[in-house]
Amino acid sequence: MTSPENAFTHPATASRLYQEESRLAARTSALHQAKIQGRAVAEVIADLATDHLAEPRQAIVADLGCGRGTSSRILAERLRPRHLLAIDTSQAMLTAARARVEGAPTRVTCLRADFHRLPLGDVTCAVVVAAFCLYHAPDPRLVIAEIARVLVAGGIAIMVTKSADSYRTLDLLVAAAGIDAGATRRPSLYGTAHSGNLEALTAPILPIVHVEHEEHRFAFTGLDHVAAYLATTPKYELPSAMATDPDTIATALRSRVIDAPVVAASTVTYLIAKRGDAS
């Protein structure tokens, strides 16, 4: 990445991030192996939908930015909605999601679409989930407005994001090791929709009925584990020879910093908004 812009929204990089399912799988695996505190996000989403929706089994549910389909599968199993729509702009992600939801106990359709322009009619969905995806929009308010358009009266939007300073310890480590001296000054990947601004983005568009914040903590076992994560993130400006090579990153880290466990944190925010009228 050569631009100071957020890599999740920069047009020169965003389209490449999810061309292959393996990169997101490696990123998720590195974080899951490190996680020592925090609930499973997909299960929390399903809990919130159950708590705030009167009859989920009659609902049409849309899972925006469904990625590899983890939340789609949990929603299908837990809510048993009339129809679940797994939506993503990446064909690679949809292929992975389709395999994950195969055999789900409800009807599931995988749709390739831009969340700025959902291929859904007005007042269609009783639940719209947007987990860890709003920060891919340069202006998330446009996506939230699209979510509001497709919600039925009384329908709920469940939005999930992270704090802007997530994994700050890794920024400090990368800068200290000299592999990206400007690491601490790079824009947050979550800068457009994060724990600190999600309510302000949503409130003018949809009434907010519930917000909760939860700290997630991660203990990377050592520099090899850290490198496995760093090789999947677009945040840093690493030399091209090492950018996606965990072994080369780990070697470079060891040359400057002590190989020891590394603890990082991120606040995960859940927000529920409800459409209160049929207009």
C-alpha atoms as a PDB file:
ATOM      1  CA  MET A   1       0.000   0.000   0.000  1.00  0.00           C
ATOM      2  CA  THR A   2       1.482   3.346  -1.050  1.00  0.00           C
ATOM      3  CA  SER A   3      -1.351   5.698  -0.157  1.00  0.00           C
ATOM      4  CA  PRO A   4      -1.964   7.206   3.305  1.00  0.00           C
ATOM      5  CA  GLU A   5      -5.632   6.313   2.933  1.00  0.00           C
ATOM      6  CA  ASN A   6      -7.307   3.492   4.833  1.00  0.00           C
ATOM      7  CA  ALA A   7      -6.469   0.259   3.008  1.00  0.00           C
ATOM      8  CA  PHE A   8      -9.999  -1.049   3.509  1.00  0.00           C
ATOM      9  CA  THR A   9     -11.456   1.803   1.446  1.00  0.00           C
ATOM     10  CA  HIS A  10      -8.606   2.672  -0.947  1.00  0.00           C
ATOM     11  CA  PRO A  11      -9.662   1.596  -4.466  1.00  0.00           C
ATOM     12  CA  ALA A  12      -6.169   0.447  -5.416  1.00  0.00           C
ATOM     13  CA  THR A  13      -6.031  -2.135  -2.632  1.00  0.00           C
ATOM     14  CA  ALA A  14      -9.533  -2.935  -1.399  1.00  0.00           C
ATOM     15  CA  SER A  15     -10.513  -5.053  -4.383  1.00  0.00           C
ATOM     16  CA  ARG A  16      -7.436  -7.267  -3.918  1.00  0.00           C
ATOM     17  CA  LEU A  17      -7.944  -8.023  -0.240  1.00  0.00           C
ATOM     18  CA  TYR A  18     -10.586 -10.686  -0.736  1.00  0.00           C
ATOM     19  CA  GLN A  19      -9.739 -12.128  -4.140  1.00  0.00           C
ATOM     20  CA  GLU A  20      -8.692 -15.347  -2.416  1.00  0.00           C
ATOM     21  CA  GLU A  21     -10.416 -16.968   0.526  1.00  0.00           C
ATOM     22  CA  SER A  22      -7.098 -18.189   1.930  1.00  0.00           C
ATOM     23  CA  ARG A  23      -5.899 -14.736   3.021  1.00  0.00           C
ATOM     24  CA  LEU A  24      -8.933 -14.033   5.181  1.00  0.00           C
ATOM     25  CA  ALA A  25      -8.820 -17.608   6.487  1.00  0.00           C
ATOM     26  CA  ALA A  26      -5.202 -17.128   7.589  1.00  0.00           C
ATOM     27  CA  ARG A  27      -5.995 -13.783   9.229  1.00  0.00           C
ATOM     28  CA  THR A  28      -8.981 -15.223  11.090  1.00  0.00           C
ATOM     29  CA  SER A  29      -7.008 -18.293  12.154  1.00  0.00           C
ATOM     30  CA  ALA A  30      -4.150 -16.216  13.568  1.00  0.00           C
ATOM     31  CA  LEU A  31      -6.572 -14.113  15.616  1.00  0.00           C
ATOM     32  CA  HIS A  32      -8.657 -17.057  16.823  1.00  0.00           C
ATOM     33  CA  GLN A  33      -5.549 -18.904  17.980  1.00  0.00           C
ATOM     34  CA  ALA A  34      -4.466 -15.807  19.901  1.00  0.00           C
ATOM     35  CA  LYS A  35      -7.827 -14.955  21.450  1.00  0.00           C
ATOM     36  CA  ILE A  36      -7.965 -15.221  25.230  1.00  0.00           C
ATOM     37  CA  GLN A  37     -10.956 -13.001  26.030  1.00  0.00           C
ATOM     38  CA  GLY A  38     -14.203 -12.167  24.268  1.00  0.00           C
ATOM     39  CA  ARG A  39     -17.325 -14.012  23.149  1.00  0.00           C
ATOM     40  CA  ALA A  40     -17.753 -15.605  19.734  1.00  0.00           C
ATOM     41  CA  VAL A  41     -19.125 -12.755  17.634  1.00  0.00           C
ATOM     42  CA  ALA A  42     -21.429 -14.860  15.436  1.00  0.00           C
ATOM     43  CA  GLU A  43     -23.076 -16.373  18.504  1.00  0.00           C
ATOM     44  CA  VAL A  44     -23.591 -12.934  20.062  1.00  0.00           C
ATOM     45  CA  ILE A  45     -25.221 -11.709  16.838  1.00  0.00           C
ATOM     46  CA  ALA A  46     -27.601 -14.676  16.898  1.00  0.00           C
ATOM     47  CA  ASP A  47     -28.379 -14.037  20.579  1.00  0.00           C
ATOM     48  CA  LEU A  48     -29.157 -10.379  19.885  1.00  0.00           C
ATOM     49  CA  ALA A  49     -31.375 -11.239  16.925  1.00  0.00           C
ATOM     50  CA  THR A  50     -33.297 -13.740  19.045  1.00  0.00           C
ATOM     51  CA  ASP A  51     -33.701 -11.253  21.889  1.00  0.00           C
ATOM     52  CA  HIS A  52     -34.912  -8.384  19.701  1.00  0.00           C
ATOM     53  CA  LEU A  53     -36.987 -10.140  17.045  1.00  0.00           C
ATOM     54  CA  ALA A  54     -40.454 -11.449  17.805  1.00  0.00           C
ATOM     55  CA  GLU A  55     -40.684 -14.274  15.252  1.00  0.00           C
ATOM     56  CA  PRO A  56     -37.323 -15.049  13.619  1.00  0.00           C
ATOM     57  CA  ARG A  57     -38.650 -18.141  11.858  1.00  0.00           C
ATOM     58  CA  GLN A  58     -40.948 -15.987   9.726  1.00  0.00           C
ATOM     59  CA  ALA A  59     -38.174 -13.558   8.842  1.00  0.00           C
ATOM     60  CA  ILE A  60     -36.041 -12.790   5.850  1.00  0.00           C
ATOM     61  CA  VAL A  61     -32.518 -12.197   7.148  1.00  0.00           C
ATOM     62  CA  ALA A  62     -29.688 -10.539   5.200  1.00  0.00           C
ATOM     63  CA  ASP A  63     -26.062 -11.032   6.243  1.00  0.00           C
ATOM     64  CA  LEU A  64     -24.087  -8.224   4.575  1.00  0.00           C
ATOM     65  CA  GLY A  65     -20.383  -8.701   4.021  1.00  0.00           C
ATOM     66  CA  CYS A  66     -20.890 -12.350   4.882  1.00  0.00           C
ATOM     67  CA  GLY A  67     -17.268 -13.228   4.117  1.00  0.00           C
ATOM     68  CA  ARG A  68     -16.574 -16.930   4.528  1.00  0.00           C
ATOM     69  CA  GLY A  69     -20.087 -17.538   5.854  1.00  0.00           C
ATOM     70  CA  THR A  70     -19.421 -18.150   9.539  1.00  0.00           C
ATOM     71  CA  SER A  71     -22.153 -15.808  10.756  1.00  0.00           C
ATOM     72  CA  SER A  72     -24.487 -16.919   7.957  1.00  0.00           C
ATOM     73  CA  ARG A  73     -24.259 -20.529   9.106  1.00  0.00           C
ATOM     74  CA  ILE A  74     -24.857 -19.628  12.757  1.00  0.00           C
ATOM     75  CA  LEU A  75     -27.824 -17.421  11.857  1.00  0.00           C
ATOM     76  CA  ALA A  76     -29.327 -20.179   9.726  1.00  0.00           C
ATOM     77  CA  GLU A  77     -28.954 -22.732  12.516  1.00  0.00           C
ATOM     78  CA  ARG A  78     -30.006 -20.528  15.415  1.00  0.00           C
ATOM     79  CA  LEU A  79     -32.795 -18.428  13.861  1.00  0.00           C
ATOM     80  CA  ARG A  80     -34.145 -20.854  11.236  1.00  0.00           C
ATOM     81  CA  PRO A  81     -35.483 -17.879   9.231  1.00  0.00           C
ATOM     82  CA  ARG A  82     -37.775 -18.275   6.272  1.00  0.00           C
ATOM     83  CA  HIS A  83     -34.941 -17.148   3.983  1.00  0.00           C
ATOM     84  CA  LEU A  84     -31.353 -16.117   4.688  1.00  0.00           C
ATOM     85  CA  LEU A  85     -29.445 -13.986   2.181  1.00  0.00           C
ATOM     86  CA  ALA A  86     -25.644 -14.168   2.402  1.00  0.00           C
ATOM     87  CA  ILE A  87     -24.325 -11.102   0.565  1.00  0.00           C
ATOM     88  CA  ASP A  88     -20.762 -10.170  -0.332  1.00  0.00           C
ATOM     89  CA  THR A  89     -18.975  -8.354  -3.138  1.00  0.00           C
ATOM     90  CA  SER A  90     -16.233 -11.008  -3.394  1.00  0.00           C
ATOM     91  CA  GLN A  91     -16.916 -14.109  -5.443  1.00  0.00           C
ATOM     92  CA  ALA A  92     -14.190 -15.977  -3.541  1.00  0.00           C
ATOM     93  CA  MET A  93     -15.894 -15.216  -0.241  1.00  0.00           C
ATOM     94  CA  LEU A  94     -19.277 -16.298  -1.588  1.00  0.00           C
ATOM     95  CA  THR A  95     -17.824 -19.587  -2.820  1.00  0.00           C
ATOM     96  CA  ALA A  96     -16.509 -20.264   0.688  1.00  0.00           C
ATOM     97  CA  ALA A  97     -19.794 -19.144   2.261  1.00  0.00           C
ATOM     98  CA  ARG A  98     -21.824 -21.364  -0.049  1.00  0.00           C
ATOM     99  CA  ALA A  99     -19.812 -24.388   1.077  1.00  0.00           C
ATOM    100  CA  ARG A 100     -20.204 -23.423   4.746  1.00  0.00           C
ATOM    101  CA  VAL A 101     -23.992 -23.047   4.609  1.00  0.00           C
ATOM    102  CA  GLU A 102     -24.525 -26.225   2.604  1.00  0.00           C
ATOM    103  CA  GLY A 103     -27.016 -28.391   4.447  1.00  0.00           C
ATOM    104  CA  ALA A 104     -28.240 -25.514   6.612  1.00  0.00           C
ATOM    105  CA  PRO A 105     -31.716 -26.103   8.096  1.00  0.00           C
ATOM    106  CA  THR A 106     -33.293 -23.244   6.149  1.00  0.00           C
ATOM    107  CA  ARG A 107     -33.257 -21.708   2.708  1.00  0.00           C
ATOM    108  CA  VAL A 108     -30.014 -19.810   2.040  1.00  0.00           C
ATOM    109  CA  THR A 109     -29.177 -17.766  -1.055  1.00  0.00           C
ATOM    110  CA  CYS A 110     -25.700 -16.365  -1.715  1.00  0.00           C
ATOM    111  CA  LEU A 111     -25.752 -13.056  -3.591  1.00  0.00           C
ATOM    112  CA  ARG A 112     -22.863 -11.085  -5.031  1.00  0.00           C
ATOM    113  CA  ALA A 113     -23.658  -7.424  -4.514  1.00  0.00           C
ATOM    114  CA  ASP A 114     -22.337  -4.055  -3.375  1.00  0.00           C
ATOM    115  CA  PHE A 115     -23.840  -3.131  -0.018  1.00  0.00           C
ATOM    116  CA  HIS A 116     -24.368   0.416  -1.308  1.00  0.00           C
ATOM    117  CA  ARG A 117     -26.885  -0.982  -3.807  1.00  0.00           C
ATOM    118  CA  LEU A 118     -28.583  -4.055  -2.408  1.00  0.00           C
ATOM    119  CA  PRO A 119     -30.571  -6.121  -4.945  1.00  0.00           C
ATOM    120  CA  LEU A 120     -33.537  -6.153  -2.586  1.00  0.00           C
ATOM    121  CA  GLY A 121     -36.883  -4.420  -2.611  1.00  0.00           C
ATOM    122  CA  ASP A 122     -37.979  -1.836  -0.084  1.00  0.00           C
ATOM    123  CA  VAL A 123     -39.216  -3.176   3.284  1.00  0.00           C
ATOM    124  CA  THR A 124     -37.989  -6.705   2.564  1.00  0.00           C
ATOM    125  CA  CYS A 125     -35.939  -7.878   5.547  1.00  0.00           C
ATOM    126  CA  ALA A 126     -36.761  -8.319   9.204  1.00  0.00           C
ATOM    127  CA  VAL A 127     -33.066  -8.535  10.116  1.00  0.00           C
ATOM    128  CA  VAL A 128     -30.007  -7.074   8.426  1.00  0.00           C
ATOM    129  CA  VAL A 129     -26.605  -7.959   9.857  1.00  0.00           C
ATOM    130  CA  ALA A 130     -23.546  -5.855   8.986  1.00  0.00           C
ATOM    131  CA  ALA A 131     -20.643  -7.297  10.964  1.00  0.00           C
ATOM    132  CA  PHE A 132     -17.081  -6.098  10.414  1.00  0.00           C
ATOM    133  CA  CYS A 133     -17.878  -4.625   7.024  1.00  0.00           C
ATOM    134  CA  LEU A 134     -19.154  -1.045   7.381  1.00  0.00           C
ATOM    135  CA  TYR A 135     -15.573   0.240   7.586  1.00  0.00           C
ATOM    136  CA  HIS A 136     -15.085  -0.886   3.987  1.00  0.00           C
ATOM    137  CA  ALA A 137     -17.349   2.009   2.960  1.00  0.00           C
ATOM    138  CA  PRO A 138     -15.787   5.465   2.531  1.00  0.00           C
ATOM    139  CA  ASP A 139     -19.078   6.850   3.902  1.00  0.00           C
ATOM    140  CA  PRO A 140     -20.870   4.173   5.964  1.00  0.00           C
ATOM    141  CA  ARG A 141     -23.950   6.386   6.278  1.00  0.00           C
ATOM    142  CA  LEU A 142     -24.817   5.492   2.699  1.00  0.00           C
ATOM    143  CA  VAL A 143     -24.796   1.800   3.599  1.00  0.00           C
ATOM    144  CA  ILE A 144     -26.826   2.374   6.765  1.00  0.00           C
ATOM    145  CA  ALA A 145     -29.404   4.255   4.684  1.00  0.00           C
ATOM    146  CA  GLU A 146     -29.577   1.287   2.317  1.00  0.00           C
ATOM    147  CA  ILE A 147     -30.072  -1.016   5.288  1.00  0.00           C
ATOM    148  CA  ALA A 148     -32.909   1.216   6.499  1.00  0.00           C
ATOM    149  CA  ARG A 149     -34.510   1.064   3.054  1.00  0.00           C
ATOM    150  CA  VAL A 150     -34.781  -2.729   3.031  1.00  0.00           C
ATOM    151  CA  LEU A 151     -35.944  -3.150   6.644  1.00  0.00           C
ATOM    152  CA  VAL A 152     -39.603  -3.853   7.346  1.00  0.00           C
ATOM    153  CA  ALA A 153     -41.440  -1.880  10.026  1.00  0.00           C
ATOM    154  CA  GLY A 154     -40.093  -3.140  13.337  1.00  0.00           C
ATOM    155  CA  GLY A 155     -37.151  -4.768  11.584  1.00  0.00           C
ATOM    156  CA  ILE A 156     -33.712  -4.624  13.180  1.00  0.00           C
ATOM    157  CA  ALA A 157     -30.211  -3.893  11.979  1.00  0.00           C
ATOM    158  CA  ILE A 158     -27.364  -5.508  13.887  1.00  0.00           C
ATOM    159  CA  MET A 159     -24.100  -3.700  13.218  1.00  0.00           C
ATOM    160  CA  VAL A 160     -20.744  -4.821  14.585  1.00  0.00           C
ATOM    161  CA  THR A 161     -17.418  -3.026  14.411  1.00  0.00           C
ATOM    162  CA  LYS A 162     -14.097  -2.603  16.234  1.00  0.00           C
ATOM    163  CA  SER A 163     -12.328   0.229  17.998  1.00  0.00           C
ATOM    164  CA  ALA A 164     -10.176   2.470  15.825  1.00  0.00           C
ATOM    165  CA  ASP A 165      -7.112   1.632  17.951  1.00  0.00           C
ATOM    166  CA  SER A 166      -7.507  -2.142  17.639  1.00  0.00           C
ATOM    167  CA  TYR A 167      -4.236  -4.107  17.893  1.00  0.00           C
ATOM    168  CA  ARG A 168      -2.261  -0.965  18.762  1.00  0.00           C
ATOM    169  CA  THR A 169       0.425  -3.127  20.370  1.00  0.00           C
ATOM    170  CA  LEU A 170       1.221  -4.558  16.946  1.00  0.00           C
ATOM    171  CA  ASP A 171       1.655  -1.052  15.510  1.00  0.00           C
ATOM    172  CA  LEU A 172       4.234  -0.350  18.204  1.00  0.00           C
ATOM    173  CA  LEU A 173       6.001  -3.659  17.589  1.00  0.00           C
ATOM    174  CA  VAL A 174       6.206  -3.156  13.824  1.00  0.00           C
ATOM    175  CA  ALA A 175       7.573   0.368  14.301  1.00  0.00           C
ATOM    176  CA  ALA A 176      10.110  -0.764  16.924  1.00  0.00           C
ATOM    177  CA  ALA A 177      11.359  -3.511  14.622  1.00  0.00           C
ATOM    178  CA  GLY A 178      11.886  -0.984  11.837  1.00  0.00           C
ATOM    179  CA  ILE A 179       9.982  -2.971   9.214  1.00  0.00           C
ATOM    180  CA  ASP A 180       7.539  -0.039   8.935  1.00  0.00           C
ATOM    181  CA  ALA A 181       8.839   2.950  10.869  1.00  0.00           C
ATOM    182  CA  GLY A 182       5.549   4.776  10.292  1.00  0.00           C
ATOM    183  CA  ALA A 183       3.345   1.961  11.582  1.00  0.00           C
ATOM    184  CA  THR A 184       1.936   3.983  14.473  1.00  0.00           C
ATOM    185  CA  ARG A 185       0.878   6.753  12.067  1.00  0.00           C
ATOM    186  CA  ARG A 186      -0.960   4.543   9.568  1.00  0.00           C
ATOM    187  CA  PRO A 187      -4.711   5.192   9.335  1.00  0.00           C
ATOM    188  CA  SER A 188      -6.862   2.763  11.259  1.00  0.00           C
ATOM    189  CA  LEU A 189      -8.377   0.063   9.089  1.00  0.00           C
ATOM    190  CA  TYR A 190     -11.592   0.708  10.979  1.00  0.00           C
ATOM    191  CA  GLY A 191     -11.466   4.495  10.630  1.00  0.00           C
ATOM    192  CA  THR A 192     -14.745   5.095   8.831  1.00  0.00           C
ATOM    193  CA  ALA A 193     -16.939   3.010  11.157  1.00  0.00           C
ATOM    194  CA  HIS A 194     -15.548   2.200  14.580  1.00  0.00           C
ATOM    195  CA  SER A 195     -16.626   1.849  18.199  1.00  0.00           C
ATOM    196  CA  GLY A 196     -16.328   5.576  18.786  1.00  0.00           C
ATOM    197  CA  ASN A 197     -18.495   6.816  15.906  1.00  0.00           C
ATOM    198  CA  LEU A 198     -20.971   4.050  15.065  1.00  0.00           C
ATOM    199  CA  GLU A 199     -23.771   5.558  17.156  1.00  0.00           C
ATOM    200  CA  ALA A 200     -23.300   8.983  15.569  1.00  0.00           C
ATOM    201  CA  LEU A 201     -23.384   7.440  12.097  1.00  0.00           C
ATOM    202  CA  THR A 202     -26.540   5.468  12.789  1.00  0.00           C
ATOM    203  CA  ALA A 203     -28.750   7.707  14.946  1.00  0.00           C
ATOM    204  CA  PRO A 204     -29.810  10.180  12.209  1.00  0.00           C
ATOM    205  CA  ILE A 205     -30.921   7.261  10.009  1.00  0.00           C
ATOM    206  CA  LEU A 206     -32.330   4.585  12.328  1.00  0.00           C
ATOM    207  CA  PRO A 207     -33.371   4.706  16.001  1.00  0.00           C
ATOM    208  CA  ILE A 208     -30.820   2.930  18.189  1.00  0.00           C
ATOM    209  CA  VAL A 209     -32.245   0.498  20.747  1.00  0.00           C
ATOM    210  CA  HIS A 210     -29.155  -1.245  22.113  1.00  0.00           C
ATOM    211  CA  VAL A 211     -25.373  -0.743  22.231  1.00  0.00           C
ATOM    212  CA  GLU A 212     -22.742  -2.787  23.997  1.00  0.00           C
ATOM    213  CA  HIS A 213     -18.957  -2.788  23.990  1.00  0.00           C
ATOM    214  CA  GLU A 214     -16.782  -5.776  24.812  1.00  0.00           C
ATOM    215  CA  GLU A 215     -13.015  -5.948  25.102  1.00  0.00           C
ATOM    216  CA  HIS A 216     -11.387  -8.777  23.179  1.00  0.00           C
ATOM    217  CA  ARG A 217      -7.823  -9.693  24.105  1.00  0.00           C
ATOM    218  CA  PHE A 218      -5.298 -11.656  22.117  1.00  0.00           C
ATOM    219  CA  ALA A 219      -2.083 -13.335  23.260  1.00  0.00           C
ATOM    220  CA  PHE A 220       0.198 -14.114  20.340  1.00  0.00           C
ATOM    221  CA  THR A 221       2.572 -16.872  21.414  1.00  0.00           C
ATOM    222  CA  GLY A 222       5.643 -15.269  19.844  1.00  0.00           C
ATOM    223  CA  LEU A 223       6.960 -13.519  16.767  1.00  0.00           C
ATOM    224  CA  ASP A 224       6.103 -16.393  14.409  1.00  0.00           C
ATOM    225  CA  HIS A 225       2.476 -16.076  15.491  1.00  0.00           C
ATOM    226  CA  VAL A 226       2.567 -12.286  15.133  1.00  0.00           C
ATOM    227  CA  ALA A 227       4.107 -12.630  11.670  1.00  0.00           C
ATOM    228  CA  ALA A 228       1.337 -15.001  10.588  1.00  0.00           C
ATOM    229  CA  TYR A 229      -1.140 -12.213  11.312  1.00  0.00           C
ATOM    230  CA  LEU A 230       0.948  -9.369   9.887  1.00  0.00           C
ATOM    231  CA  ALA A 231       1.291 -11.193   6.573  1.00  0.00           C
ATOM    232  CA  THR A 232      -2.490 -10.959   6.105  1.00  0.00           C
ATOM    233  CA  THR A 233      -3.113  -7.316   7.045  1.00  0.00           C
ATOM    234  CA  PRO A 234      -2.885  -4.472   4.524  1.00  0.00           C
ATOM    235  CA  LYS A 235      -2.293  -1.783   7.134  1.00  0.00           C
ATOM    236  CA  TYR A 236       1.492  -1.568   7.030  1.00  0.00           C
ATOM    237  CA  GLU A 237       3.950  -0.534   4.330  1.00  0.00           C
ATOM    238  CA  LEU A 238       6.299  -3.512   4.430  1.00  0.00           C
ATOM    239  CA  PRO A 239       9.069  -4.180   1.886  1.00  0.00           C
ATOM    240  CA  SER A 240       7.595  -6.078  -1.062  1.00  0.00           C
ATOM    241  CA  ALA A 241       9.859  -9.071  -0.431  1.00  0.00           C
ATOM    242  CA  MET A 242       8.348  -9.607   3.004  1.00  0.00           C
ATOM    243  CA  ALA A 243       4.825  -8.180   2.785  1.00  0.00           C
ATOM    244  CA  THR A 244       2.965 -11.509   2.561  1.00  0.00           C
ATOM    245  CA  ASP A 245       5.717 -13.890   3.748  1.00  0.00           C
ATOM    246  CA  PRO A 246       5.348 -14.777   7.444  1.00  0.00           C
ATOM    247  CA  ASP A 247       8.814 -16.362   7.674  1.00  0.00           C
ATOM    248  CA  THR A 248      10.545 -13.271   6.304  1.00  0.00           C
ATOM    249  CA  ILE A 249       8.510 -11.009   8.584  1.00  0.00           C
ATOM    250  CA  ALA A 250       9.353 -13.166  11.616  1.00  0.00           C
ATOM    251  CA  THR A 251      13.071 -13.080  10.771  1.00  0.00           C
ATOM    252  CA  ALA A 252      12.999  -9.300  10.444  1.00  0.00           C
ATOM    253  CA  LEU A 253      11.163  -8.935  13.755  1.00  0.00           C
ATOM    254  CA  ARG A 254      13.648 -11.156  15.593  1.00  0.00           C
ATOM    255  CA  SER A 255      16.549  -9.024  14.403  1.00  0.00           C
ATOM    256  CA  ARG A 256      15.257  -6.038  16.372  1.00  0.00           C
ATOM    257  CA  VAL A 257      12.890  -7.186  19.128  1.00  0.00           C
ATOM    258  CA  ILE A 258      12.816  -9.956  21.718  1.00  0.00           C
ATOM    259  CA  ASP A 259      10.869 -13.060  20.731  1.00  0.00           C
ATOM    260  CA  ALA A 260       8.230 -13.254  23.442  1.00  0.00           C
ATOM    261  CA  PRO A 261       4.440 -13.398  23.758  1.00  0.00           C
ATOM    262  CA  VAL A 262       2.641 -10.280  22.546  1.00  0.00           C
ATOM    263  CA  VAL A 263      -0.720  -9.182  23.958  1.00  0.00           C
ATOM    264  CA  ALA A 264      -3.083  -6.984  21.937  1.00  0.00           C
ATOM    265  CA  ALA A 265      -6.650  -5.802  22.413  1.00  0.00           C
ATOM    266  CA  SER A 266      -9.654  -4.613  20.439  1.00  0.00           C
ATOM    267  CA  THR A 267     -13.048  -3.332  21.547  1.00  0.00           C
ATOM    268  CA  VAL A 268     -15.914  -5.002  19.681  1.00  0.00           C
ATOM    269  CA  THR A 269     -19.099  -2.949  19.535  1.00  0.00           C
ATOM    270  CA  TYR A 270     -22.584  -4.315  18.868  1.00  0.00           C
ATOM    271  CA  LEU A 271     -25.323  -1.866  17.912  1.00  0.00           C
ATOM    272  CA  ILE A 272     -28.964  -2.654  17.260  1.00  0.00           C
ATOM    273  CA  ALA A 273     -31.185  -0.176  15.454  1.00  0.00           C
ATOM    274  CA  LYS A 274     -34.868  -0.682  14.700  1.00  0.00           C
ATOM    275  CA  ARG A 275     -37.043   0.696  11.957  1.00  0.00           C
ATOM    276  CA  GLY A 276     -40.108   2.011  13.696  1.00  0.00           C
ATOM    277  CA  ASP A 277     -42.441   2.822  10.811  1.00  0.00           C
ATOM    278  CA  ALA A 278     -43.446   1.615   7.415  1.00  0.00           C
ATOM    279  CA  SER A 279     -42.511   4.739   5.466  1.00  0.00           C
END
